Amino acid sequence: MDAIESPCILVCSIDEVTGYCFGCGRTRAEIAAWLAMTPSERRAVMEALPARLSTIERKPRRETRRARLARERAGNAG
């Protein structure tokens, strides 16, 4: 059996705005169907991934300490 190429980098979290995985850029449906896709279908998806990943705004899942302090300073400055 041949190995199936995958763009997965084990950062499995879906961006709520775009619907793309933060790590690989695939949709949930593409991730679920990956093993059933033909090699040409997988190649077509992989060709689209760089453009998709550039549309994702990479924000922390939770507020970082630095962001919280900056927000508090901004609130106290006004």
Protein backbone atom coordinates (compact mmCIF):
# COMPACT_ATOMS: atom_id res chain seq x y z
CA MET A 1 0.00 0.00 0.00
CA ASP A 2 1.34 3.43 -0.94
CA ALA A 3 1.68 6.20 1.64
CA ILE A 4 -0.87 8.97 1.29
CA GLU A 5 0.59 12.47 1.35
CA SER A 6 -1.08 14.77 3.84
CA PRO A 7 -0.68 18.47 4.66
CA CYS A 8 -1.51 17.83 8.32
CA ILE A 9 0.96 19.38 10.78
CA LEU A 10 -0.95 18.26 13.90
CA VAL A 11 -2.35 21.71 14.63
CA CYS A 12 -5.96 20.63 14.39
CA SER A 13 -8.18 23.60 15.06
CA ILE A 14 -10.74 25.14 12.73
CA ASP A 15 -10.93 28.91 12.15
CA GLU A 16 -14.55 29.86 12.81
CA VAL A 17 -14.49 32.66 10.22
CA THR A 18 -13.08 30.81 7.21
CA GLY A 19 -13.83 27.20 8.14
CA TYR A 20 -10.21 26.25 7.41
CA CYS A 21 -7.88 24.37 9.73
CA PHE A 22 -5.27 26.69 11.26
CA GLY A 23 -2.59 24.08 10.66
CA CYS A 24 -3.20 22.71 7.18
CA GLY A 25 -5.90 24.89 5.60
CA ARG A 26 -8.35 22.10 4.83
CA THR A 27 -12.05 22.19 5.66
CA ARG A 28 -13.64 19.68 8.03
CA ALA A 29 -15.20 17.91 5.05
CA GLU A 30 -11.85 17.64 3.26
CA ILE A 31 -10.15 16.31 6.38
CA ALA A 32 -12.89 13.69 6.83
CA ALA A 33 -12.79 12.63 3.17
CA TRP A 34 -9.00 12.77 2.74
CA LEU A 35 -8.37 9.01 2.68
CA ALA A 36 -11.25 8.40 0.25
CA MET A 37 -10.09 11.10 -2.21
CA THR A 38 -8.23 10.20 -5.35
CA PRO A 39 -4.62 11.37 -5.65
CA SER A 40 -5.68 14.06 -8.14
CA GLU A 41 -8.40 15.32 -5.77
CA ARG A 42 -5.87 15.52 -2.93
CA ARG A 43 -3.39 17.37 -5.18
CA ALA A 44 -6.08 19.89 -6.15
CA VAL A 45 -6.85 20.58 -2.49
CA MET A 46 -3.15 20.86 -1.63
CA GLU A 47 -2.63 23.40 -4.42
CA ALA A 48 -5.32 25.62 -2.84
CA LEU A 49 -3.91 25.46 0.70
CA PRO A 50 -1.29 28.27 0.56
CA ALA A 51 -3.91 30.79 -0.59
CA ARG A 52 -6.37 29.58 2.05
CA LEU A 53 -3.84 29.79 4.87
CA SER A 54 -3.07 33.39 3.93
CA THR A 55 -6.73 34.30 4.60
CA ILE A 56 -6.72 33.04 8.18
CA GLU A 57 -6.16 35.66 10.84
CA ARG A 58 -3.98 33.85 13.33
CA LYS A 59 -5.15 35.02 16.72
CA PRO A 60 -4.53 33.38 20.07
CA ARG A 61 -7.41 31.22 21.29
CA ARG A 62 -7.32 33.04 24.59
CA GLU A 63 -6.21 36.46 25.62
CA THR A 64 -2.50 36.54 26.34
CA ARG A 65 -1.08 38.32 29.36
CA ARG A 66 0.55 40.89 27.09
CA ALA A 67 -2.76 41.59 25.30
CA ARG A 68 -4.63 41.86 28.61
CA LEU A 69 -2.11 44.34 30.01
CA ALA A 70 -2.26 46.42 26.82
CA ARG A 71 -6.08 46.42 26.93
CA GLU A 72 -6.07 47.46 30.59
CA ARG A 73 -3.57 50.27 29.92
CA ALA A 74 -5.66 51.51 26.99
CA GLY A 75 -8.79 51.47 29.17
CA ASN A 76 -7.08 53.43 31.95
CA ALA A 77 -5.55 55.99 29.55
CA GLY A 78 -8.88 57.30 28.28
